[in-house]
Protein backbone atom coordinates (compact mmCIF):
# COMPACT_ATOMS: atom_id res chain seq x y z
CA MET A 1 0.00 0.00 0.00
CA ILE A 2 1.45 3.35 -1.07
CA ALA A 3 1.39 5.98 1.68
CA TYR A 4 0.65 9.64 1.04
CA LEU A 5 3.93 10.44 2.83
CA GLU A 6 5.83 8.50 0.16
CA CYS A 7 4.25 10.61 -2.61
CA TRP A 8 4.81 13.83 -0.64
CA THR A 9 8.49 13.03 -0.11
CA GLN A 10 9.06 12.37 -3.80
CA THR A 11 7.20 15.52 -4.82
CA ALA A 12 8.80 17.77 -2.19
CA THR A 13 12.30 16.61 -3.15
CA THR A 14 11.71 17.83 -6.70
CA LEU A 15 9.66 20.99 -6.06
CA LEU A 16 11.82 22.40 -3.26
CA ALA A 17 14.95 22.01 -5.35
CA GLN A 18 13.25 23.82 -8.24
CA ALA A 19 11.58 26.63 -6.28
CA LEU A 20 14.25 27.52 -3.70
CA ALA A 21 17.44 29.47 -4.29
CA GLY A 22 20.55 27.31 -4.41
CA GLU A 23 18.56 24.15 -5.28
CA PRO A 24 18.76 22.68 -1.77
CA GLU A 25 18.48 18.93 -1.20
CA LEU A 26 15.75 17.36 0.94
CA VAL A 27 17.01 14.24 2.74
CA GLU A 28 15.60 12.04 5.50
CA SER A 29 17.29 12.46 8.88
CA PHE A 30 16.91 11.87 12.58
CA PRO A 31 14.61 14.27 14.47
CA ARG A 32 16.33 17.35 15.87
CA PRO A 33 15.06 19.94 18.38
CA MET A 34 13.22 22.78 16.66
CA ALA A 35 14.15 26.38 17.42
CA SER A 36 11.67 28.66 19.13
CA GLY A 37 9.31 30.23 16.63
CA SER A 38 9.12 27.25 14.31
CA PHE A 39 6.01 27.32 12.17
CA GLY A 40 3.84 24.85 10.32
CA TRP A 41 0.78 24.10 8.21
CA GLU A 42 -1.79 21.34 8.12
CA ALA A 43 -3.46 19.98 4.97
CA THR A 44 -6.88 18.32 5.14
CA LEU A 45 -7.25 15.49 2.63
CA GLU A 46 -10.43 13.83 1.40
CA GLY A 47 -11.15 11.00 -1.01
CA ASP A 48 -9.97 7.40 -1.06
CA LYS A 49 -7.03 8.61 1.04
CA ALA A 50 -8.23 10.98 3.77
CA GLY A 51 -7.01 12.59 6.97
CA ARG A 52 -4.52 15.29 7.98
CA PHE A 53 -0.94 15.90 6.92
CA SER A 54 1.17 18.40 8.89
CA VAL A 55 4.50 20.03 8.06
CA THR A 56 6.63 21.96 10.60
CA VAL A 57 9.55 24.11 9.40
CA ASP A 58 12.58 25.29 11.40
CA ALA A 59 12.26 29.00 12.21
CA ALA A 60 15.92 29.54 11.26
CA ILE A 61 14.99 29.06 7.62
CA LEU A 62 13.32 32.50 7.60
CA ASP A 63 16.77 34.10 7.88
CA ALA A 64 17.74 32.64 4.50
CA PRO A 65 15.75 34.24 1.64
CA LEU A 66 15.37 30.96 -0.20
CA LEU A 67 12.16 32.16 -1.83
CA GLY A 68 13.55 35.48 -3.07
CA GLU A 69 14.53 38.82 -1.61
CA GLY A 70 11.80 41.22 -0.45
CA ARG A 71 9.14 38.52 0.02
CA ASP A 72 7.30 37.51 3.16
CA GLN A 73 9.21 34.26 3.62
CA LYS A 74 6.69 32.67 5.98
CA ALA A 75 3.74 33.35 3.67
CA ALA A 76 5.76 32.18 0.66
CA TRP A 77 6.56 28.92 2.47
CA GLY A 78 2.85 28.41 3.06
CA GLU A 79 2.12 28.81 -0.66
CA LEU A 80 4.94 26.46 -1.62
CA LEU A 81 3.91 23.76 0.85
CA ARG A 82 0.29 23.96 -0.30
CA GLU A 83 1.44 23.45 -3.89
CA THR A 84 3.53 20.52 -2.71
CA ALA A 85 0.57 18.91 -0.91
CA GLU A 86 -1.63 19.29 -4.00
CA ALA A 87 1.08 17.91 -6.29
CA ALA A 88 1.53 14.95 -3.92
CA SER A 89 -2.21 14.26 -4.20
CA GLY A 90 -1.85 14.15 -7.98
CA GLU A 91 1.14 11.82 -7.64
CA PHE A 92 -0.90 9.54 -5.36
CA LEU A 93 -3.72 9.42 -7.96
CA ALA A 94 -1.27 8.66 -10.77
CA ARG A 95 0.41 5.84 -8.85
CA THR A 96 -2.65 4.20 -7.30
CA GLY A 97 -5.66 5.34 -9.34
CA LYS A 98 -7.28 6.49 -6.08
CA THR A 99 -8.42 10.01 -5.22
CA CYS A 100 -6.79 12.24 -2.61
CA ARG A 101 -7.84 15.90 -2.68
CA VAL A 102 -6.55 18.80 -0.59
CA THR A 103 -9.74 20.43 0.69
CA GLY A 104 -8.16 22.61 3.39
CA PHE A 105 -4.78 24.12 4.15
CA ALA A 106 -4.15 26.31 7.19
CA SER A 107 -1.35 27.34 9.54
CA ALA A 108 -0.89 25.09 12.56
CA ASN A 109 1.21 24.92 15.69
CA ALA A 110 4.50 23.04 15.58
CA THR A 111 3.92 19.37 16.41
CA SER A 112 6.05 17.28 18.74
CA GLN A 113 4.73 13.97 17.35
CA VAL A 114 6.19 13.30 13.92
CA THR A 115 6.13 10.51 11.38
CA GLN A 116 9.27 11.47 9.48
CA ALA A 117 12.07 14.02 9.86
CA PHE A 118 13.97 15.66 7.02
CA GLN A 119 16.80 18.10 6.55
CA LEU A 120 16.85 20.73 3.81
CA ARG A 121 20.53 21.14 2.98
CA SER A 122 22.07 24.00 1.02
CA GLY A 123 25.85 24.24 1.05
CA ASP A 124 27.05 24.15 4.65
CA ARG A 125 23.63 25.06 6.07
CA ALA A 126 20.76 22.76 6.99
CA TRP A 127 17.23 23.23 8.34
CA THR A 128 14.93 20.69 9.95
CA ILE A 129 11.51 19.88 8.48
CA LEU A 130 9.16 17.55 10.40
CA VAL A 131 6.04 15.91 8.96
CA ARG A 132 3.18 14.05 10.57
CA ASP A 133 1.07 11.78 8.37
CA GLU A 134 -2.36 11.06 9.86
CA THR A 135 -3.95 9.87 6.61
CA SER A 136 -5.52 6.50 6.03
CA GLU A 137 -7.02 4.73 3.06
CA ARG A 138 -10.74 4.10 3.06
CA ALA A 139 -11.83 0.51 2.53
CA SER A 140 -13.49 -0.21 -0.78
CA ALA A 141 -17.02 -1.58 -0.94
CA GLN A 142 -15.61 -5.03 -1.66
CA GLU A 143 -13.28 -4.84 1.34
CA GLU A 144 -16.15 -3.78 3.60
CA ARG A 145 -18.10 -6.95 2.89
CA PRO A 146 -17.87 -9.59 5.63
CA ALA A 147 -15.29 -12.22 4.84
CA ALA A 148 -16.54 -15.61 3.75
CA PRO A 149 -16.19 -18.31 6.42
CA GLU A 150 -13.04 -20.36 6.09
CA PRO A 151 -13.55 -23.98 5.01
CA VAL A 152 -13.50 -26.53 7.80
CA MET A 153 -10.48 -28.80 7.61
CA THR A 154 -11.28 -32.52 7.83
CA GLU A 155 -9.12 -35.59 7.79
CA ARG A 156 -9.63 -35.84 4.04
CA THR A 157 -8.83 -32.16 3.37
CA ALA A 158 -5.12 -31.39 3.22
CA ALA A 159 -3.80 -27.92 3.91
CA PRO A 160 -2.82 -26.11 0.68
CA PRO A 161 0.88 -25.91 -0.17
CA GLY A 162 2.55 -22.89 1.37
CA SER A 163 0.04 -22.53 4.20
CA ARG A 164 1.07 -21.51 7.71
CA ASP A 165 0.64 -25.10 8.97
CA ASN A 166 2.70 -26.58 6.15
CA PRO A 167 5.24 -24.10 4.81
CA PRO A 168 6.94 -25.36 1.64
CA GLY A 169 10.52 -26.58 1.89
CA LEU A 170 10.71 -26.62 5.70
CA SER A 171 11.68 -29.66 7.67
CA PRO A 172 9.34 -30.82 10.48
CA GLY A 173 11.99 -29.79 13.02
CA LEU A 174 12.09 -26.24 11.73
CA GLU A 175 8.29 -25.98 11.69
CA LEU A 176 8.34 -26.42 15.47
CA MET A 177 10.44 -23.28 15.82
CA LEU A 178 8.29 -20.87 13.76
CA ASP A 179 6.58 -19.42 16.85
CA VAL A 180 9.78 -18.92 18.84
CA GLU A 181 10.32 -15.25 19.72
CA LEU A 182 13.77 -13.78 19.01
CA GLU A 183 15.24 -10.47 20.11
CA ALA A 184 15.99 -8.09 17.24
CA THR A 185 18.37 -5.13 17.55
CA LEU A 186 19.01 -2.08 15.37
CA ARG A 187 22.69 -1.15 15.04
CA PHE A 188 23.35 2.44 13.99
CA GLY A 189 27.14 2.04 13.96
CA CYS A 190 30.13 1.19 16.10
CA ARG A 191 33.55 2.44 17.09
CA GLU A 192 36.59 1.00 18.82
CA MET A 193 37.92 3.14 21.69
CA PRO A 194 40.80 2.76 24.11
CA LEU A 195 39.70 2.04 27.65
CA GLY A 196 41.24 5.33 28.79
CA GLU A 197 39.04 7.37 26.44
CA LEU A 198 35.98 5.37 27.48
CA LEU A 199 36.58 6.16 31.15
CA GLU A 200 36.93 9.87 30.37
CA LEU A 201 33.46 10.11 28.80
CA GLY A 202 30.95 12.33 30.54
CA PRO A 203 27.51 13.89 29.98
CA GLY A 204 27.44 15.95 26.80
CA ASP A 205 30.34 14.15 25.11
CA VAL A 206 29.75 12.98 21.52
CA VAL A 207 31.06 9.65 20.23
CA GLU A 208 31.36 9.60 16.45
CA LEU A 209 30.36 6.29 14.85
CA ASP A 210 31.71 4.68 11.70
CA ARG A 211 28.54 5.39 9.74
CA HIS A 212 27.05 8.44 8.02
CA VAL A 213 23.55 9.56 9.01
CA SER A 214 22.27 8.68 5.52
CA ASP A 215 23.73 5.14 5.55
CA PRO A 216 21.36 2.20 6.20
CA VAL A 217 21.25 0.67 9.67
CA ASP A 218 21.54 -3.04 10.47
CA LEU A 219 18.80 -5.30 11.81
CA ILE A 220 20.54 -7.94 13.90
CA VAL A 221 19.11 -11.21 15.23
CA GLY A 222 21.50 -13.07 17.48
CA ASP A 223 24.88 -12.10 16.09
CA LYS A 224 23.89 -12.00 12.41
CA ILE A 225 22.75 -9.16 10.17
CA VAL A 226 19.45 -10.28 8.63
CA ALA A 227 18.39 -7.00 6.98
CA ARG A 228 19.29 -3.35 6.43
CA GLY A 229 17.11 -0.30 6.04
CA ASP A 230 16.30 3.32 6.85
CA VAL A 231 15.25 4.66 10.23
CA VAL A 232 11.77 6.22 10.26
CA LEU A 233 9.42 7.63 12.87
CA VAL A 234 6.05 5.95 13.40
CA ASN A 235 3.74 7.73 15.83
CA GLY A 236 6.71 9.12 17.72
CA ASN A 237 8.57 5.79 17.88
CA PHE A 238 11.61 4.70 15.91
CA GLY A 239 11.01 2.13 13.18
CA LEU A 240 12.91 0.48 10.33
CA ARG A 241 11.95 0.64 6.65
CA VAL A 242 13.61 -2.50 5.27
CA THR A 243 15.51 -1.94 1.99
CA GLU A 244 17.72 -5.04 1.88
CA VAL A 245 17.15 -8.56 3.21
CA ALA A 246 19.74 -11.31 3.55
CA ALA A 247 19.23 -14.59 1.73
CA PRO A 248 17.08 -17.13 3.65
CA ARG A 249 20.06 -19.41 4.35
CA ARG A 250 22.02 -16.49 5.82
CA ARG A 251 19.05 -15.51 7.99
CA LEU A 252 18.71 -19.05 9.33
CA GLU A 253 22.35 -19.00 10.41
CA SER A 254 21.38 -16.52 13.11
CA ILE A 255 19.13 -19.03 14.90
CA ARG A 256 21.34 -22.11 14.75
CA CYS A 257 21.75 -21.91 18.50
CA LEU A 258 18.12 -23.06 18.87
CA PHE A 259 18.84 -26.54 17.48
């Protein structure tokens, strides 16, 4: 299912680079504290995809006339973000064939609960942009119908190949382990440090890791990397958007200790 946020991100990346001076780059990032005076807008969406979509912009961006000298920068940002929301609705229609109209667009207070954080980078300067996606897709008439009752399994009725009770290609021993819970860990990076430096660490110190903020993070089960992806925010919590998955045999190596 394609999210409105996905269409907005693609559209904003293109439009902001075209409309703003210096052709800044919009990239996903970790959330950062917003300066006092940060401002935002909220779009109301209706159609097959409906709800609210909020954008909060770092107040420091008003000091850079990215939208031209002599203009009311805050008002100009409102116009640009409204155009972006409407263009994202068109992108959503083109990609899914489902409607998503912007029926309202008004200024809103900065939100502390975000779905995704971005940075708008221009040269050696960067500004934080936070978005909150509260849209959802309405169920179609077919989806709203009650589901047909599942057929009753009898001794003469075998489970279809690939079902949960009989996964294809799995040995009976492995089937017993499918419901075992494993601890998964996200690894953002690492660094080797002498013990002396480690003991000198205190509150406020920064430890630089061996990974750039735009690099994918590792999903680790046991001591094996089973997937990589991008860090996202989901209702104020960290999440992982998987972009690369290890081969099944490599993933199984991480749970050998269970046998």
